[in-house]
């Protein structure tokens, strides 16, 4: 019985492929690829002529038996378009299926955009949560944010360039001015890492960033988790308003230091302002 190898491939710079990955791709009897055209470019570059079959989101269930049959005759490699297969890519169902059929599944470790972005972020790396791509709409994003707002560990998202700014703004409105890192085009020619608070990074990224993007967001700090009582928060807001500070600035500053959501503080400030009239 053959082995299913889960082979990580470069996310940009082709020099990042491992010697073992090259050997496995040459030796297996079949390579299952998310996009055969993309993978063929990689194989051509390294003069590898192993047969290819497609295995992508909309064909994955139909290809289970094809790959199982291939494994009965020899080894098979699974690759994604880039990086480590199954990390936000098709592959889970295949791995589960071949394990149930009694085959061995073996990893060939290598590049991963999520781990690369985390490792260079400057944010805590001892515990982290990866949530893949954010939803397209603000309301759906806020549903995700509600579930993770109290989590203390670093949070990693993927995002498309055309939604990056709107997602960062939603984060700022929901979490306050947490630290965030935008890693763009990792290992490629125009690689860029933008670090700062959410408000700072929103200003830095520009209106039309390009390329593949990983967002690394700071978790909720220990101090922020120790929430002040609502009464104390109201007193802080009232004192700031009496000094003439704008409502938006009051909400933003207190969001940084108290752990309360900026939008909640903003609404509280409006109510206090109205009661002062």
C-alpha atoms as a PDB file:
ATOM      1  CA  UNK A   1       0.000   0.000   0.000  1.00  0.00           C
ATOM      2  CA  UNK A   2       1.212   3.452  -0.881  1.00  0.00           C
ATOM      3  CA  UNK A   3       1.769   6.504   1.311  1.00  0.00           C
ATOM      4  CA  UNK A   4      -0.042   9.809   0.882  1.00  0.00           C
ATOM      5  CA  UNK A   5       2.547  12.561   1.274  1.00  0.00           C
ATOM      6  CA  UNK A   6       1.332  16.047   2.224  1.00  0.00           C
ATOM      7  CA  UNK A   7       3.977  18.158   0.508  1.00  0.00           C
ATOM      8  CA  UNK A   8       4.516  21.842   1.315  1.00  0.00           C
ATOM      9  CA  UNK A   9       5.601  23.943  -1.662  1.00  0.00           C
ATOM     10  CA  UNK A  10       6.958  27.528  -1.879  1.00  0.00           C
ATOM     11  CA  UNK A  11       4.601  30.450  -1.241  1.00  0.00           C
ATOM     12  CA  UNK A  12       6.716  32.676  -3.462  1.00  0.00           C
ATOM     13  CA  UNK A  13      10.461  32.137  -3.602  1.00  0.00           C
ATOM     14  CA  UNK A  14      11.139  28.777  -5.290  1.00  0.00           C
ATOM     15  CA  UNK A  15      14.361  28.364  -3.311  1.00  0.00           C
ATOM     16  CA  UNK A  16      12.210  27.635  -0.241  1.00  0.00           C
ATOM     17  CA  UNK A  17      11.330  24.134  -1.412  1.00  0.00           C
ATOM     18  CA  UNK A  18      13.116  21.401   0.546  1.00  0.00           C
ATOM     19  CA  UNK A  19      15.356  18.721  -0.920  1.00  0.00           C
ATOM     20  CA  UNK A  20      13.074  16.064   0.525  1.00  0.00           C
ATOM     21  CA  UNK A  21      10.019  17.647  -1.110  1.00  0.00           C
ATOM     22  CA  UNK A  22      11.769  17.581  -4.500  1.00  0.00           C
ATOM     23  CA  UNK A  23      12.714  13.932  -4.055  1.00  0.00           C
ATOM     24  CA  UNK A  24       9.187  12.913  -3.043  1.00  0.00           C
ATOM     25  CA  UNK A  25       7.613  14.782  -5.965  1.00  0.00           C
ATOM     26  CA  UNK A  26       9.944  12.916  -8.325  1.00  0.00           C
ATOM     27  CA  UNK A  27       9.409   9.482  -6.755  1.00  0.00           C
ATOM     28  CA  UNK A  28       5.636   9.307  -6.242  1.00  0.00           C
ATOM     29  CA  UNK A  29       3.451   7.782  -8.936  1.00  0.00           C
ATOM     30  CA  UNK A  30       0.902  10.637  -8.892  1.00  0.00           C
ATOM     31  CA  UNK A  31       0.638  14.236  -7.674  1.00  0.00           C
ATOM     32  CA  UNK A  32      -2.802  15.552  -6.663  1.00  0.00           C
ATOM     33  CA  UNK A  33      -2.777  19.316  -7.114  1.00  0.00           C
ATOM     34  CA  UNK A  34      -5.209  22.112  -6.287  1.00  0.00           C
ATOM     35  CA  UNK A  35      -4.403  23.748  -9.640  1.00  0.00           C
ATOM     36  CA  UNK A  36      -2.515  21.544 -12.095  1.00  0.00           C
ATOM     37  CA  UNK A  37      -1.473  24.558 -14.204  1.00  0.00           C
ATOM     38  CA  UNK A  38       0.137  26.249 -11.217  1.00  0.00           C
ATOM     39  CA  UNK A  39       1.833  23.063 -10.025  1.00  0.00           C
ATOM     40  CA  UNK A  40       3.068  22.218 -13.514  1.00  0.00           C
ATOM     41  CA  UNK A  41       5.063  25.473 -13.516  1.00  0.00           C
ATOM     42  CA  UNK A  42       6.773  24.367 -10.305  1.00  0.00           C
ATOM     43  CA  UNK A  43       7.469  20.882 -11.653  1.00  0.00           C
ATOM     44  CA  UNK A  44       8.823  22.248 -14.930  1.00  0.00           C
ATOM     45  CA  UNK A  45      11.176  24.575 -13.069  1.00  0.00           C
ATOM     46  CA  UNK A  46      12.677  21.601 -11.207  1.00  0.00           C
ATOM     47  CA  UNK A  47      12.509  19.206 -14.187  1.00  0.00           C
ATOM     48  CA  UNK A  48       9.969  16.887 -12.551  1.00  0.00           C
ATOM     49  CA  UNK A  49       7.720  14.821 -14.849  1.00  0.00           C
ATOM     50  CA  UNK A  50       5.406  13.001 -12.418  1.00  0.00           C
ATOM     51  CA  UNK A  51       1.775  12.648 -13.641  1.00  0.00           C
ATOM     52  CA  UNK A  52      -0.713  15.198 -12.253  1.00  0.00           C
ATOM     53  CA  UNK A  53      -4.384  15.022 -11.334  1.00  0.00           C
ATOM     54  CA  UNK A  54      -6.549  17.875 -10.093  1.00  0.00           C
ATOM     55  CA  UNK A  55      -7.890  17.964  -6.549  1.00  0.00           C
ATOM     56  CA  UNK A  56      -9.680  21.231  -5.798  1.00  0.00           C
ATOM     57  CA  UNK A  57     -12.672  22.449  -3.804  1.00  0.00           C
ATOM     58  CA  UNK A  58     -15.365  21.480  -6.314  1.00  0.00           C
ATOM     59  CA  UNK A  59     -13.894  18.155  -7.416  1.00  0.00           C
ATOM     60  CA  UNK A  60     -12.500  16.828  -4.142  1.00  0.00           C
ATOM     61  CA  UNK A  61     -15.287  14.355  -3.334  1.00  0.00           C
ATOM     62  CA  UNK A  62     -15.318  12.920  -6.861  1.00  0.00           C
ATOM     63  CA  UNK A  63     -11.545  12.389  -6.737  1.00  0.00           C
ATOM     64  CA  UNK A  64     -11.411  10.418  -3.472  1.00  0.00           C
ATOM     65  CA  UNK A  65     -11.649   7.005  -5.140  1.00  0.00           C
ATOM     66  CA  UNK A  66      -9.267   8.021  -7.939  1.00  0.00           C
ATOM     67  CA  UNK A  67      -6.579   8.844  -5.400  1.00  0.00           C
ATOM     68  CA  UNK A  68      -7.402   5.788  -3.288  1.00  0.00           C
ATOM     69  CA  UNK A  69      -6.925   3.576  -6.334  1.00  0.00           C
ATOM     70  CA  UNK A  70      -3.607   5.262  -7.071  1.00  0.00           C
ATOM     71  CA  UNK A  71      -2.476   4.638  -3.491  1.00  0.00           C
ATOM     72  CA  UNK A  72      -3.160   0.928  -3.912  1.00  0.00           C
ATOM     73  CA  UNK A  73      -0.522   0.934  -6.649  1.00  0.00           C
ATOM     74  CA  UNK A  74       2.038   3.373  -5.215  1.00  0.00           C
ATOM     75  CA  UNK A  75       2.736   6.603  -3.344  1.00  0.00           C
ATOM     76  CA  UNK A  76       0.826   9.838  -3.990  1.00  0.00           C
ATOM     77  CA  UNK A  77       1.700  13.458  -3.142  1.00  0.00           C
ATOM     78  CA  UNK A  78      -0.869  16.123  -2.299  1.00  0.00           C
ATOM     79  CA  UNK A  79       0.100  19.738  -2.997  1.00  0.00           C
ATOM     80  CA  UNK A  80      -1.794  23.030  -2.879  1.00  0.00           C
ATOM     81  CA  UNK A  81      -1.206  26.122  -5.010  1.00  0.00           C
ATOM     82  CA  UNK A  82       1.346  27.293  -2.442  1.00  0.00           C
ATOM     83  CA  UNK A  83       2.389  26.566   1.107  1.00  0.00           C
ATOM     84  CA  UNK A  84       1.236  23.688   3.276  1.00  0.00           C
ATOM     85  CA  UNK A  85      -1.728  21.693   1.912  1.00  0.00           C
ATOM     86  CA  UNK A  86      -5.012  21.644   3.873  1.00  0.00           C
ATOM     87  CA  UNK A  87      -4.239  24.947   5.681  1.00  0.00           C
ATOM     88  CA  UNK A  88      -7.209  26.854   4.284  1.00  0.00           C
ATOM     89  CA  UNK A  89      -6.981  24.615   1.213  1.00  0.00           C
ATOM     90  CA  UNK A  90      -8.755  21.407   0.130  1.00  0.00           C
ATOM     91  CA  UNK A  91      -7.404  18.189   1.606  1.00  0.00           C
ATOM     92  CA  UNK A  92      -9.129  17.413   4.897  1.00  0.00           C
ATOM     93  CA  UNK A  93     -11.693  15.065   3.356  1.00  0.00           C
ATOM     94  CA  UNK A  94      -9.007  13.225   1.394  1.00  0.00           C
ATOM     95  CA  UNK A  95      -6.767  12.721   4.407  1.00  0.00           C
ATOM     96  CA  UNK A  96      -9.680  11.557   6.561  1.00  0.00           C
ATOM     97  CA  UNK A  97     -10.796   9.147   3.842  1.00  0.00           C
ATOM     98  CA  UNK A  98      -7.432   7.505   3.161  1.00  0.00           C
ATOM     99  CA  UNK A  99      -6.745   7.136   6.890  1.00  0.00           C
ATOM    100  CA  UNK A 100     -10.074   5.322   7.230  1.00  0.00           C
ATOM    101  CA  UNK A 101      -9.011   3.116   4.316  1.00  0.00           C
ATOM    102  CA  UNK A 102      -5.852   2.123   6.190  1.00  0.00           C
ATOM    103  CA  UNK A 103      -3.246   4.133   4.283  1.00  0.00           C
ATOM    104  CA  UNK A 104      -0.362   6.032   5.874  1.00  0.00           C
ATOM    105  CA  UNK A 105      -0.346   9.832   5.659  1.00  0.00           C
ATOM    106  CA  UNK A 106       3.052  11.504   6.021  1.00  0.00           C
ATOM    107  CA  UNK A 107       3.896  15.234   6.129  1.00  0.00           C
ATOM    108  CA  UNK A 108       6.708  16.834   4.149  1.00  0.00           C
ATOM    109  CA  UNK A 109       7.002  20.100   6.119  1.00  0.00           C
ATOM    110  CA  UNK A 110       7.814  23.412   4.528  1.00  0.00           C
ATOM    111  CA  UNK A 111       6.482  26.909   3.833  1.00  0.00           C
ATOM    112  CA  UNK A 112       3.300  28.263   5.412  1.00  0.00           C
ATOM    113  CA  UNK A 113       2.205  31.883   5.013  1.00  0.00           C
ATOM    114  CA  UNK A 114       0.398  31.901   8.363  1.00  0.00           C
ATOM    115  CA  UNK A 115       3.419  30.696  10.324  1.00  0.00           C
ATOM    116  CA  UNK A 116       5.782  32.938   8.361  1.00  0.00           C
ATOM    117  CA  UNK A 117       3.627  35.996   9.146  1.00  0.00           C
ATOM    118  CA  UNK A 118       3.298  35.054  12.816  1.00  0.00           C
ATOM    119  CA  UNK A 119       7.031  34.438  13.228  1.00  0.00           C
ATOM    120  CA  UNK A 120       7.916  37.918  11.990  1.00  0.00           C
ATOM    121  CA  UNK A 121       4.995  39.804  13.547  1.00  0.00           C
ATOM    122  CA  UNK A 122       6.568  40.801  16.849  1.00  0.00           C
ATOM    123  CA  UNK A 123       3.366  39.693  18.611  1.00  0.00           C
ATOM    124  CA  UNK A 124       3.206  36.763  21.084  1.00  0.00           C
ATOM    125  CA  UNK A 125       3.730  33.401  19.393  1.00  0.00           C
ATOM    126  CA  UNK A 126       3.319  30.969  22.290  1.00  0.00           C
ATOM    127  CA  UNK A 127      -0.451  30.670  21.670  1.00  0.00           C
ATOM    128  CA  UNK A 128      -2.366  31.679  18.564  1.00  0.00           C
ATOM    129  CA  UNK A 129      -5.632  31.138  16.688  1.00  0.00           C
ATOM    130  CA  UNK A 130      -5.885  30.848  12.899  1.00  0.00           C
ATOM    131  CA  UNK A 131      -9.306  31.644  11.408  1.00  0.00           C
ATOM    132  CA  UNK A 132      -8.682  31.709   7.656  1.00  0.00           C
ATOM    133  CA  UNK A 133     -10.396  34.288   5.456  1.00  0.00           C
ATOM    134  CA  UNK A 134     -12.703  36.834   7.048  1.00  0.00           C
ATOM    135  CA  UNK A 135     -16.294  37.030   5.752  1.00  0.00           C
ATOM    136  CA  UNK A 136     -17.085  39.623   3.100  1.00  0.00           C
ATOM    137  CA  UNK A 137     -19.658  41.668   5.042  1.00  0.00           C
ATOM    138  CA  UNK A 138     -19.210  43.791   8.170  1.00  0.00           C
ATOM    139  CA  UNK A 139     -22.066  42.090  10.027  1.00  0.00           C
ATOM    140  CA  UNK A 140     -20.616  38.636   9.403  1.00  0.00           C
ATOM    141  CA  UNK A 141     -17.149  39.805  10.410  1.00  0.00           C
ATOM    142  CA  UNK A 142     -18.541  41.200  13.655  1.00  0.00           C
ATOM    143  CA  UNK A 143     -20.090  37.813  14.419  1.00  0.00           C
ATOM    144  CA  UNK A 144     -16.601  36.311  14.266  1.00  0.00           C
ATOM    145  CA  UNK A 145     -15.143  39.163  16.320  1.00  0.00           C
ATOM    146  CA  UNK A 146     -17.790  38.676  19.030  1.00  0.00           C
ATOM    147  CA  UNK A 147     -16.676  35.072  19.500  1.00  0.00           C
ATOM    148  CA  UNK A 148     -12.994  35.966  19.895  1.00  0.00           C
ATOM    149  CA  UNK A 149     -13.084  39.387  21.588  1.00  0.00           C
ATOM    150  CA  UNK A 150     -12.018  37.997  24.990  1.00  0.00           C
ATOM    151  CA  UNK A 151      -9.338  35.622  23.686  1.00  0.00           C
ATOM    152  CA  UNK A 152      -5.872  36.542  24.999  1.00  0.00           C
ATOM    153  CA  UNK A 153      -3.857  34.921  22.233  1.00  0.00           C
ATOM    154  CA  UNK A 154      -2.659  36.241  18.896  1.00  0.00           C
ATOM    155  CA  UNK A 155      -5.190  35.833  16.062  1.00  0.00           C
ATOM    156  CA  UNK A 156      -4.303  35.212  12.411  1.00  0.00           C
ATOM    157  CA  UNK A 157      -6.543  35.915   9.413  1.00  0.00           C
ATOM    158  CA  UNK A 158      -6.146  35.797   5.654  1.00  0.00           C
ATOM    159  CA  UNK A 159      -7.609  38.673   3.649  1.00  0.00           C
ATOM    160  CA  UNK A 160      -7.943  39.766   0.047  1.00  0.00           C
ATOM    161  CA  UNK A 161      -6.459  43.134  -1.008  1.00  0.00           C
ATOM    162  CA  UNK A 162      -9.795  44.682  -1.977  1.00  0.00           C
ATOM    163  CA  UNK A 163     -11.279  44.021   1.487  1.00  0.00           C
ATOM    164  CA  UNK A 164      -8.204  44.744   3.606  1.00  0.00           C
ATOM    165  CA  UNK A 165      -8.968  48.348   4.538  1.00  0.00           C
ATOM    166  CA  UNK A 166     -12.629  47.683   5.338  1.00  0.00           C
ATOM    167  CA  UNK A 167     -11.680  44.705   7.519  1.00  0.00           C
ATOM    168  CA  UNK A 168      -9.067  46.750   9.391  1.00  0.00           C
ATOM    169  CA  UNK A 169     -11.636  49.496   9.992  1.00  0.00           C
ATOM    170  CA  UNK A 170     -14.145  46.948  11.300  1.00  0.00           C
ATOM    171  CA  UNK A 171     -11.471  45.601  13.654  1.00  0.00           C
ATOM    172  CA  UNK A 172     -10.727  49.105  14.891  1.00  0.00           C
ATOM    173  CA  UNK A 173     -14.411  49.814  15.509  1.00  0.00           C
ATOM    174  CA  UNK A 174     -14.868  46.513  17.322  1.00  0.00           C
ATOM    175  CA  UNK A 175     -11.617  45.947  19.237  1.00  0.00           C
ATOM    176  CA  UNK A 176     -10.313  49.465  19.707  1.00  0.00           C
ATOM    177  CA  UNK A 177      -6.734  50.328  18.776  1.00  0.00           C
ATOM    178  CA  UNK A 178      -5.045  46.944  19.184  1.00  0.00           C
ATOM    179  CA  UNK A 179      -1.717  46.188  17.560  1.00  0.00           C
ATOM    180  CA  UNK A 180      -1.859  44.499  14.176  1.00  0.00           C
ATOM    181  CA  UNK A 181       0.598  43.337  11.521  1.00  0.00           C
ATOM    182  CA  UNK A 182      -0.124  43.158   7.803  1.00  0.00           C
ATOM    183  CA  UNK A 183       2.220  40.781   5.959  1.00  0.00           C
ATOM    184  CA  UNK A 184       1.961  41.110   2.185  1.00  0.00           C
ATOM    185  CA  UNK A 185       3.553  39.061  -0.610  1.00  0.00           C
ATOM    186  CA  UNK A 186       5.635  36.983   1.807  1.00  0.00           C
ATOM    187  CA  UNK A 187       8.946  35.757   0.262  1.00  0.00           C
ATOM    188  CA  UNK A 188       8.125  37.490  -3.040  1.00  0.00           C
ATOM    189  CA  UNK A 189       9.795  40.446  -4.752  1.00  0.00           C
ATOM    190  CA  UNK A 190       7.519  43.086  -3.202  1.00  0.00           C
ATOM    191  CA  UNK A 191       7.350  41.573   0.285  1.00  0.00           C
ATOM    192  CA  UNK A 192       6.127  44.086   2.863  1.00  0.00           C
ATOM    193  CA  UNK A 193       5.394  43.977   6.600  1.00  0.00           C
ATOM    194  CA  UNK A 194       3.375  46.818   8.132  1.00  0.00           C
ATOM    195  CA  UNK A 195       3.258  46.970  11.928  1.00  0.00           C
ATOM    196  CA  UNK A 196       1.458  49.312  14.318  1.00  0.00           C
ATOM    197  CA  UNK A 197      -1.882  49.913  15.976  1.00  0.00           C
ATOM    198  CA  UNK A 198      -4.983  49.440  13.876  1.00  0.00           C
ATOM    199  CA  UNK A 199      -5.396  53.190  13.367  1.00  0.00           C
ATOM    200  CA  UNK A 200      -1.750  53.537  12.306  1.00  0.00           C
ATOM    201  CA  UNK A 201      -1.829  50.583   9.920  1.00  0.00           C
ATOM    202  CA  UNK A 202      -5.058  51.778   8.276  1.00  0.00           C
ATOM    203  CA  UNK A 203      -3.201  54.954   7.353  1.00  0.00           C
ATOM    204  CA  UNK A 204      -0.132  53.076   6.119  1.00  0.00           C
ATOM    205  CA  UNK A 205      -1.648  50.418   3.866  1.00  0.00           C
ATOM    206  CA  UNK A 206      -3.120  52.799   1.308  1.00  0.00           C
ATOM    207  CA  UNK A 207      -6.333  52.385  -0.640  1.00  0.00           C
ATOM    208  CA  UNK A 208      -5.344  49.629  -3.075  1.00  0.00           C
ATOM    209  CA  UNK A 209      -2.793  47.184  -1.638  1.00  0.00           C
ATOM    210  CA  UNK A 210      -1.891  44.258  -3.870  1.00  0.00           C
ATOM    211  CA  UNK A 211      -0.898  40.645  -3.380  1.00  0.00           C
ATOM    212  CA  UNK A 212      -1.597  37.911  -0.861  1.00  0.00           C
ATOM    213  CA  UNK A 213      -2.140  39.188   2.675  1.00  0.00           C
ATOM    214  CA  UNK A 214      -1.950  37.734   6.182  1.00  0.00           C
ATOM    215  CA  UNK A 215      -3.303  39.724   9.141  1.00  0.00           C
ATOM    216  CA  UNK A 216      -1.878  39.094  12.618  1.00  0.00           C
ATOM    217  CA  UNK A 217      -3.957  40.724  15.367  1.00  0.00           C
ATOM    218  CA  UNK A 218      -2.969  41.216  18.989  1.00  0.00           C
ATOM    219  CA  UNK A 219      -5.059  39.269  21.498  1.00  0.00           C
ATOM    220  CA  UNK A 220      -6.761  40.887  24.429  1.00  0.00           C
ATOM    221  CA  UNK A 221      -4.232  41.899  27.060  1.00  0.00           C
ATOM    222  CA  UNK A 222      -4.422  40.742  30.669  1.00  0.00           C
ATOM    223  CA  UNK A 223      -5.074  44.298  31.811  1.00  0.00           C
ATOM    224  CA  UNK A 224      -7.868  44.706  29.312  1.00  0.00           C
ATOM    225  CA  UNK A 225      -9.559  41.562  30.602  1.00  0.00           C
ATOM    226  CA  UNK A 226      -9.798  43.064  34.064  1.00  0.00           C
ATOM    227  CA  UNK A 227     -12.733  45.230  33.101  1.00  0.00           C
ATOM    228  CA  UNK A 228     -13.689  48.237  35.110  1.00  0.00           C
ATOM    229  CA  UNK A 229     -17.267  48.378  36.333  1.00  0.00           C
ATOM    230  CA  UNK A 230     -19.730  50.209  34.116  1.00  0.00           C
ATOM    231  CA  UNK A 231     -20.107  52.863  36.805  1.00  0.00           C
ATOM    232  CA  UNK A 232     -16.361  53.590  36.767  1.00  0.00           C
ATOM    233  CA  UNK A 233     -16.365  53.703  32.981  1.00  0.00           C
ATOM    234  CA  UNK A 234     -19.239  56.197  33.017  1.00  0.00           C
ATOM    235  CA  UNK A 235     -17.298  58.365  35.467  1.00  0.00           C
ATOM    236  CA  UNK A 236     -14.207  58.298  33.234  1.00  0.00           C
ATOM    237  CA  UNK A 237     -16.257  59.248  30.181  1.00  0.00           C
ATOM    238  CA  UNK A 238     -17.997  62.053  32.020  1.00  0.00           C
ATOM    239  CA  UNK A 239     -14.709  63.470  33.300  1.00  0.00           C
ATOM    240  CA  UNK A 240     -13.210  63.425  29.797  1.00  0.00           C
ATOM    241  CA  UNK A 241     -16.281  65.112  28.289  1.00  0.00           C
ATOM    242  CA  UNK A 242     -16.210  67.795  30.935  1.00  0.00           C
ATOM    243  CA  UNK A 243     -12.660  68.584  29.828  1.00  0.00           C
ATOM    244  CA  UNK A 244     -14.010  69.206  26.356  1.00  0.00           C
ATOM    245  CA  UNK A 245     -12.621  66.102  24.634  1.00  0.00           C
ATOM    246  CA  UNK A 246     -14.535  64.963  21.490  1.00  0.00           C
ATOM    247  CA  UNK A 247     -16.722  61.893  21.888  1.00  0.00           C
ATOM    248  CA  UNK A 248     -14.815  59.896  19.247  1.00  0.00           C
ATOM    249  CA  UNK A 249     -11.472  60.507  20.949  1.00  0.00           C
ATOM    250  CA  UNK A 250     -12.898  59.622  24.361  1.00  0.00           C
ATOM    251  CA  UNK A 251     -14.219  56.312  23.030  1.00  0.00           C
ATOM    252  CA  UNK A 252     -10.970  55.488  21.197  1.00  0.00           C
ATOM    253  CA  UNK A 253      -8.676  56.266  24.124  1.00  0.00           C
ATOM    254  CA  UNK A 254     -10.759  54.378  26.669  1.00  0.00           C
ATOM    255  CA  UNK A 255     -11.033  51.400  24.322  1.00  0.00           C
ATOM    256  CA  UNK A 256      -7.238  51.111  24.419  1.00  0.00           C
ATOM    257  CA  UNK A 257      -6.983  51.115  28.197  1.00  0.00           C
ATOM    258  CA  UNK A 258     -10.157  49.443  29.460  1.00  0.00           C
ATOM    259  CA  UNK A 259     -10.937  46.544  27.143  1.00  0.00           C
ATOM    260  CA  UNK A 260     -14.401  47.874  26.361  1.00  0.00           C
ATOM    261  CA  UNK A 261     -15.388  47.935  22.708  1.00  0.00           C
ATOM    262  CA  UNK A 262     -15.008  51.329  21.082  1.00  0.00           C
ATOM    263  CA  UNK A 263     -18.567  51.318  19.749  1.00  0.00           C
ATOM    264  CA  UNK A 264     -19.980  50.558  23.228  1.00  0.00           C
ATOM    265  CA  UNK A 265     -17.986  53.401  24.757  1.00  0.00           C
ATOM    266  CA  UNK A 266     -19.068  55.718  21.951  1.00  0.00           C
ATOM    267  CA  UNK A 267     -22.744  54.993  22.636  1.00  0.00           C
ATOM    268  CA  UNK A 268     -22.236  55.499  26.378  1.00  0.00           C
ATOM    269  CA  UNK A 269     -20.552  58.849  25.708  1.00  0.00           C
ATOM    270  CA  UNK A 270     -23.440  59.989  23.505  1.00  0.00           C
ATOM    271  CA  UNK A 271     -25.955  59.126  26.224  1.00  0.00           C
ATOM    272  CA  UNK A 272     -23.934  60.991  28.859  1.00  0.00           C
ATOM    273  CA  UNK A 273     -23.583  63.995  26.557  1.00  0.00           C
ATOM    274  CA  UNK A 274     -27.347  64.077  25.968  1.00  0.00           C
ATOM    275  CA  UNK A 275     -28.057  63.872  29.706  1.00  0.00           C
ATOM    276  CA  UNK A 276     -25.764  66.820  30.329  1.00  0.00           C
ATOM    277  CA  UNK A 277     -27.960  69.102  28.222  1.00  0.00           C
END
